Amino acid sequence: MCIRDRVKAAIIADADLFGRIERTTFEALRTDTDLLSDAVSAAIRVKADIVERDERESGDRRELNLGHTLAHAIEKASNRMNHGEAVAVGTALIADASVKLGVLTAEDRDRIAGVLKKLGFDLTPPVDVKRLLKEVDKDKKNEDGMLRIVVPVGIGDCDVRRMSHDEFAALFA
C-alpha cells in the first residue's frame, strides 16, 4: 500500500490517521517501521470497513474513488504522471472544488494539499483543467448523464455527490 493510499484513506474516514501523517515527516513515514505499520493497518481497516458495507460499489465504496474522476482524466490527457501522482492531483483539485461547493473549509483543503505536498507530490495539473473536464464525461462513474463525485466534507469524512457535468465544471471556473 503506497503512501498516497494511506493519505486517501485518512481523508475518507480516519481523521486521527490524517493527523498522525500530518505531524510526521515523509522520511519517518517511509522508515519508521512502527509508524509505517500503524498507518498501513489503519488504512487497511478503513478500506475493509467500507468494502464490507458495500461489496458492489453502489454506495459507500464509491468513496474509495476520491480523486479518481480527475485522475483518470489526467491520465488520458497526459502521459506525464503515474496513477498515484494523478490521484494526488485529483484529490487536491476536488478538495479545492469542495471549498467552492461549500462543503469543506479552506483550512481543511489547505491541510490536505499540505500533506500531499509534504509527501512529495507536485499538485500542478499537467494539462489545463478545461481539457481535463472534457475527459471527465468519459469516466466510468458517469451514469445516466450524472457524475458521481467523491467530495471531502472534512478531514476523515467524504460524501458522494451526484452532479451534472455542467455543475461539476462550474466548480473549476
C-alpha atoms as a PDB file:
ATOM      1  CA  MET A   1       0.000   0.000   0.000  1.00  0.00           C
ATOM      2  CA  CYS A   2       1.562   3.261  -1.133  1.00  0.00           C
ATOM      3  CA  ILE A   3       1.751   6.472   0.872  1.00  0.00           C
ATOM      4  CA  ARG A   4      -0.927   8.074  -1.290  1.00  0.00           C
ATOM      5  CA  ASP A   5      -3.365   5.274  -0.351  1.00  0.00           C
ATOM      6  CA  ARG A   6      -2.744   5.911   3.346  1.00  0.00           C
ATOM      7  CA  VAL A   7      -3.448   9.612   2.918  1.00  0.00           C
ATOM      8  CA  LYS A   8      -6.544   8.889   0.830  1.00  0.00           C
ATOM      9  CA  ALA A   9      -7.899   6.504   3.468  1.00  0.00           C
ATOM     10  CA  ALA A  10      -7.258   9.118   6.144  1.00  0.00           C
ATOM     11  CA  ILE A  11      -9.099  11.826   4.205  1.00  0.00           C
ATOM     12  CA  ILE A  12     -12.025   9.481   3.549  1.00  0.00           C
ATOM     13  CA  ALA A  13     -12.604   8.066   7.000  1.00  0.00           C
ATOM     14  CA  ASP A  14      -9.839   8.477   9.599  1.00  0.00           C
ATOM     15  CA  ALA A  15      -9.108  11.972  10.904  1.00  0.00           C
ATOM     16  CA  ASP A  16      -6.759  10.551  13.561  1.00  0.00           C
ATOM     17  CA  LEU A  17      -4.622   8.818  10.914  1.00  0.00           C
ATOM     18  CA  PHE A  18      -4.558  12.043   8.890  1.00  0.00           C
ATOM     19  CA  GLY A  19      -3.311  13.934  11.939  1.00  0.00           C
ATOM     20  CA  ARG A  20      -0.556  11.382  12.549  1.00  0.00           C
ATOM     21  CA  ILE A  21       0.559  11.598   8.916  1.00  0.00           C
ATOM     22  CA  GLU A  22       0.363  15.382   9.045  1.00  0.00           C
ATOM     23  CA  ARG A  23       2.592  15.541  12.137  1.00  0.00           C
ATOM     24  CA  THR A  24       5.344  13.330  10.758  1.00  0.00           C
ATOM     25  CA  THR A  25       7.928  13.698   8.042  1.00  0.00           C
ATOM     26  CA  PHE A  26       7.971  11.866   4.750  1.00  0.00           C
ATOM     27  CA  GLU A  27      11.204  10.158   5.758  1.00  0.00           C
ATOM     28  CA  ALA A  28       9.716   8.956   9.061  1.00  0.00           C
ATOM     29  CA  LEU A  29       6.633   7.658   7.295  1.00  0.00           C
ATOM     30  CA  ARG A  30       8.881   5.653   4.962  1.00  0.00           C
ATOM     31  CA  THR A  31      11.402   4.384   7.514  1.00  0.00           C
ATOM     32  CA  ASP A  32       9.821   4.241  10.994  1.00  0.00           C
ATOM     33  CA  THR A  33       8.505   0.671  10.977  1.00  0.00           C
ATOM     34  CA  ASP A  34       6.111   1.218  13.902  1.00  0.00           C
ATOM     35  CA  LEU A  35       4.618   4.333  12.317  1.00  0.00           C
ATOM     36  CA  LEU A  36       4.520   2.682   8.896  1.00  0.00           C
ATOM     37  CA  SER A  37       2.815  -0.431  10.269  1.00  0.00           C
ATOM     38  CA  ASP A  38       0.292   1.678  12.182  1.00  0.00           C
ATOM     39  CA  ALA A  39      -0.520   3.793   9.113  1.00  0.00           C
ATOM     40  CA  VAL A  40      -0.857   0.763   6.820  1.00  0.00           C
ATOM     41  CA  SER A  41      -3.065  -1.062   9.351  1.00  0.00           C
ATOM     42  CA  ALA A  42      -5.310   1.965   9.790  1.00  0.00           C
ATOM     43  CA  ALA A  43      -5.645   2.444   6.031  1.00  0.00           C
ATOM     44  CA  ILE A  44      -6.463  -1.242   5.514  1.00  0.00           C
ATOM     45  CA  ARG A  45      -9.131  -1.027   8.242  1.00  0.00           C
ATOM     46  CA  VAL A  46     -10.716   1.972   6.512  1.00  0.00           C
ATOM     47  CA  LYS A  47     -10.812   0.188   3.165  1.00  0.00           C
ATOM     48  CA  ALA A  48     -12.013  -3.124   4.656  1.00  0.00           C
ATOM     49  CA  ASP A  49     -14.805  -1.411   6.624  1.00  0.00           C
ATOM     50  CA  ILE A  50     -16.020   0.391   3.516  1.00  0.00           C
ATOM     51  CA  VAL A  51     -15.849  -2.707   1.293  1.00  0.00           C
ATOM     52  CA  GLU A  52     -17.634  -4.787   3.944  1.00  0.00           C
ATOM     53  CA  ARG A  53     -20.514  -2.277   3.978  1.00  0.00           C
ATOM     54  CA  ASP A  54     -20.685  -2.096   0.184  1.00  0.00           C
ATOM     55  CA  GLU A  55     -19.325  -5.052  -1.763  1.00  0.00           C
ATOM     56  CA  ARG A  56     -20.658  -3.906  -5.158  1.00  0.00           C
ATOM     57  CA  GLU A  57     -19.653  -0.210  -5.229  1.00  0.00           C
ATOM     58  CA  SER A  58     -23.213   1.064  -5.129  1.00  0.00           C
ATOM     59  CA  GLY A  59     -22.882   3.327  -2.102  1.00  0.00           C
ATOM     60  CA  ASP A  60     -20.122   3.897   0.465  1.00  0.00           C
ATOM     61  CA  ARG A  61     -17.497   2.028  -1.553  1.00  0.00           C
ATOM     62  CA  ARG A  62     -17.549   4.820  -4.114  1.00  0.00           C
ATOM     63  CA  GLU A  63     -15.741   6.926  -1.508  1.00  0.00           C
ATOM     64  CA  LEU A  64     -12.599   4.930  -2.295  1.00  0.00           C
ATOM     65  CA  ASN A  65     -12.592   6.750  -5.644  1.00  0.00           C
ATOM     66  CA  LEU A  66     -11.607  10.053  -4.015  1.00  0.00           C
ATOM     67  CA  GLY A  67      -9.579  11.983  -6.583  1.00  0.00           C
ATOM     68  CA  HIS A  68     -10.059   9.345  -9.280  1.00  0.00           C
ATOM     69  CA  THR A  69     -12.518  11.135 -11.577  1.00  0.00           C
ATOM     70  CA  LEU A  70      -9.969  13.858 -12.265  1.00  0.00           C
ATOM     71  CA  ALA A  71      -7.056  11.414 -12.036  1.00  0.00           C
ATOM     72  CA  HIS A  72      -8.456   9.318 -14.867  1.00  0.00           C
ATOM     73  CA  ALA A  73      -8.869  12.484 -16.935  1.00  0.00           C
ATOM     74  CA  ILE A  74      -5.262  13.449 -16.152  1.00  0.00           C
ATOM     75  CA  GLU A  75      -4.058  10.011 -17.222  1.00  0.00           C
ATOM     76  CA  LYS A  76      -5.989  10.219 -20.506  1.00  0.00           C
ATOM     77  CA  ALA A  77      -4.928  13.790 -21.304  1.00  0.00           C
ATOM     78  CA  SER A  78      -1.267  13.462 -20.337  1.00  0.00           C
ATOM     79  CA  ASN A  79       1.339  10.750 -20.064  1.00  0.00           C
ATOM     80  CA  ARG A  80       3.463  12.714 -17.593  1.00  0.00           C
ATOM     81  CA  MET A  81       2.067  11.269 -14.346  1.00  0.00           C
ATOM     82  CA  ASN A  82       1.669   7.813 -12.914  1.00  0.00           C
ATOM     83  CA  HIS A  83      -1.649   6.805 -11.332  1.00  0.00           C
ATOM     84  CA  GLY A  84      -0.637   7.745  -7.791  1.00  0.00           C
ATOM     85  CA  GLU A  85       0.549  11.187  -8.843  1.00  0.00           C
ATOM     86  CA  ALA A  86      -2.640  11.750 -10.847  1.00  0.00           C
ATOM     87  CA  VAL A  87      -4.811  10.738  -7.866  1.00  0.00           C
ATOM     88  CA  ALA A  88      -2.901  13.155  -5.619  1.00  0.00           C
ATOM     89  CA  VAL A  89      -3.533  15.997  -8.101  1.00  0.00           C
ATOM     90  CA  GLY A  90      -7.176  14.929  -8.495  1.00  0.00           C
ATOM     91  CA  THR A  91      -7.607  14.875  -4.720  1.00  0.00           C
ATOM     92  CA  ALA A  92      -6.170  18.382  -4.373  1.00  0.00           C
ATOM     93  CA  LEU A  93      -8.376  19.667  -7.201  1.00  0.00           C
ATOM     94  CA  ILE A  94     -11.529  18.128  -5.742  1.00  0.00           C
ATOM     95  CA  ALA A  95     -10.656  19.473  -2.286  1.00  0.00           C
ATOM     96  CA  ASP A  96     -10.488  22.943  -3.809  1.00  0.00           C
ATOM     97  CA  ALA A  97     -13.791  22.351  -5.601  1.00  0.00           C
ATOM     98  CA  SER A  98     -15.316  21.166  -2.312  1.00  0.00           C
ATOM     99  CA  VAL A  99     -14.486  24.547  -0.779  1.00  0.00           C
ATOM    100  CA  LYS A 100     -16.250  26.257  -3.692  1.00  0.00           C
ATOM    101  CA  LEU A 101     -19.182  23.887  -3.203  1.00  0.00           C
ATOM    102  CA  GLY A 102     -19.327  24.999   0.431  1.00  0.00           C
ATOM    103  CA  VAL A 103     -18.833  21.562   1.994  1.00  0.00           C
ATOM    104  CA  LEU A 104     -15.153  21.768   3.013  1.00  0.00           C
ATOM    105  CA  THR A 105     -13.356  24.509   4.882  1.00  0.00           C
ATOM    106  CA  ALA A 106     -10.422  26.279   3.291  1.00  0.00           C
ATOM    107  CA  GLU A 107      -8.370  25.193   6.309  1.00  0.00           C
ATOM    108  CA  ASP A 108      -9.065  21.502   5.657  1.00  0.00           C
ATOM    109  CA  ARG A 109      -8.343  21.965   1.932  1.00  0.00           C
ATOM    110  CA  ASP A 110      -5.006  23.518   2.841  1.00  0.00           C
ATOM    111  CA  ARG A 111      -4.245  20.669   5.244  1.00  0.00           C
ATOM    112  CA  ILE A 112      -4.965  18.094   2.519  1.00  0.00           C
ATOM    113  CA  ALA A 113      -2.783  19.907  -0.005  1.00  0.00           C
ATOM    114  CA  GLY A 114      -0.079  20.438   2.614  1.00  0.00           C
ATOM    115  CA  VAL A 115       0.188  16.743   3.432  1.00  0.00           C
ATOM    116  CA  LEU A 116       0.266  15.756  -0.240  1.00  0.00           C
ATOM    117  CA  LYS A 117       2.995  18.326  -0.951  1.00  0.00           C
ATOM    118  CA  LYS A 118       4.982  17.245   2.103  1.00  0.00           C
ATOM    119  CA  LEU A 119       4.900  13.699   0.779  1.00  0.00           C
ATOM    120  CA  GLY A 120       6.476  14.891  -2.456  1.00  0.00           C
ATOM    121  CA  PHE A 121       3.520  15.273  -4.788  1.00  0.00           C
ATOM    122  CA  ASP A 122       3.501  18.119  -7.298  1.00  0.00           C
ATOM    123  CA  LEU A 123      -0.151  19.192  -7.286  1.00  0.00           C
ATOM    124  CA  THR A 124       0.036  21.187 -10.508  1.00  0.00           C
ATOM    125  CA  PRO A 125      -2.194  19.603 -13.166  1.00  0.00           C
ATOM    126  CA  PRO A 126      -0.058  18.614 -16.177  1.00  0.00           C
ATOM    127  CA  VAL A 127      -2.711  19.983 -18.564  1.00  0.00           C
ATOM    128  CA  ASP A 128      -5.306  22.751 -18.442  1.00  0.00           C
ATOM    129  CA  VAL A 129      -8.312  21.941 -16.239  1.00  0.00           C
ATOM    130  CA  LYS A 130     -10.666  22.727 -19.147  1.00  0.00           C
ATOM    131  CA  ARG A 131      -9.055  19.893 -21.080  1.00  0.00           C
ATOM    132  CA  LEU A 132      -9.485  17.588 -18.091  1.00  0.00           C
ATOM    133  CA  LEU A 133     -13.174  18.422 -17.888  1.00  0.00           C
ATOM    134  CA  LYS A 134     -13.626  17.203 -21.478  1.00  0.00           C
ATOM    135  CA  GLU A 135     -12.302  13.804 -20.394  1.00  0.00           C
ATOM    136  CA  VAL A 136     -14.484  13.619 -17.273  1.00  0.00           C
ATOM    137  CA  ASP A 137     -17.618  12.843 -19.305  1.00  0.00           C
ATOM    138  CA  LYS A 138     -15.940   9.623 -20.458  1.00  0.00           C
ATOM    139  CA  ASP A 139     -15.308   8.437 -16.886  1.00  0.00           C
ATOM    140  CA  LYS A 140     -16.939   5.176 -15.792  1.00  0.00           C
ATOM    141  CA  LYS A 141     -18.607   6.988 -12.891  1.00  0.00           C
ATOM    142  CA  ASN A 142     -20.722   8.920 -15.402  1.00  0.00           C
ATOM    143  CA  GLU A 143     -24.095   7.184 -15.070  1.00  0.00           C
ATOM    144  CA  ASP A 144     -27.292   8.360 -16.740  1.00  0.00           C
ATOM    145  CA  GLY A 145     -25.650  11.671 -17.607  1.00  0.00           C
ATOM    146  CA  MET A 146     -24.729  12.310 -13.976  1.00  0.00           C
ATOM    147  CA  LEU A 147     -21.289  12.139 -12.398  1.00  0.00           C
ATOM    148  CA  ARG A 148     -20.712  10.506  -9.008  1.00  0.00           C
ATOM    149  CA  ILE A 149     -18.088  12.765  -7.458  1.00  0.00           C
ATOM    150  CA  VAL A 150     -16.418  11.992  -4.141  1.00  0.00           C
ATOM    151  CA  VAL A 151     -16.049  15.231  -2.199  1.00  0.00           C
ATOM    152  CA  PRO A 152     -14.275  15.620   1.122  1.00  0.00           C
ATOM    153  CA  VAL A 153     -16.551  17.350   3.634  1.00  0.00           C
ATOM    154  CA  GLY A 154     -13.950  17.326   6.396  1.00  0.00           C
ATOM    155  CA  ILE A 155     -10.780  15.512   7.329  1.00  0.00           C
ATOM    156  CA  GLY A 156     -11.951  11.923   7.790  1.00  0.00           C
ATOM    157  CA  ASP A 157     -15.306  12.398   6.066  1.00  0.00           C
ATOM    158  CA  CYS A 158     -16.412  12.268   2.420  1.00  0.00           C
ATOM    159  CA  ASP A 159     -19.681  12.218   0.519  1.00  0.00           C
ATOM    160  CA  VAL A 160     -20.561  11.018  -2.934  1.00  0.00           C
ATOM    161  CA  ARG A 161     -22.439  13.745  -4.803  1.00  0.00           C
ATOM    162  CA  ARG A 162     -24.414  13.363  -8.000  1.00  0.00           C
ATOM    163  CA  MET A 163     -23.940  16.294 -10.307  1.00  0.00           C
ATOM    164  CA  SER A 164     -24.211  17.100 -13.954  1.00  0.00           C
ATOM    165  CA  HIS A 165     -21.116  17.780 -15.984  1.00  0.00           C
ATOM    166  CA  ASP A 166     -22.068  21.476 -16.080  1.00  0.00           C
ATOM    167  CA  GLU A 167     -22.410  21.629 -12.280  1.00  0.00           C
ATOM    168  CA  PHE A 168     -19.050  19.905 -11.911  1.00  0.00           C
ATOM    169  CA  ALA A 169     -17.346  22.155 -14.487  1.00  0.00           C
ATOM    170  CA  ALA A 170     -18.686  25.261 -12.721  1.00  0.00           C
ATOM    171  CA  LEU A 171     -16.619  24.309  -9.679  1.00  0.00           C
ATOM    172  CA  PHE A 172     -13.476  24.888 -11.750  1.00  0.00           C
ATOM    173  CA  ALA A 173     -14.499  28.122 -13.460  1.00  0.00           C
END
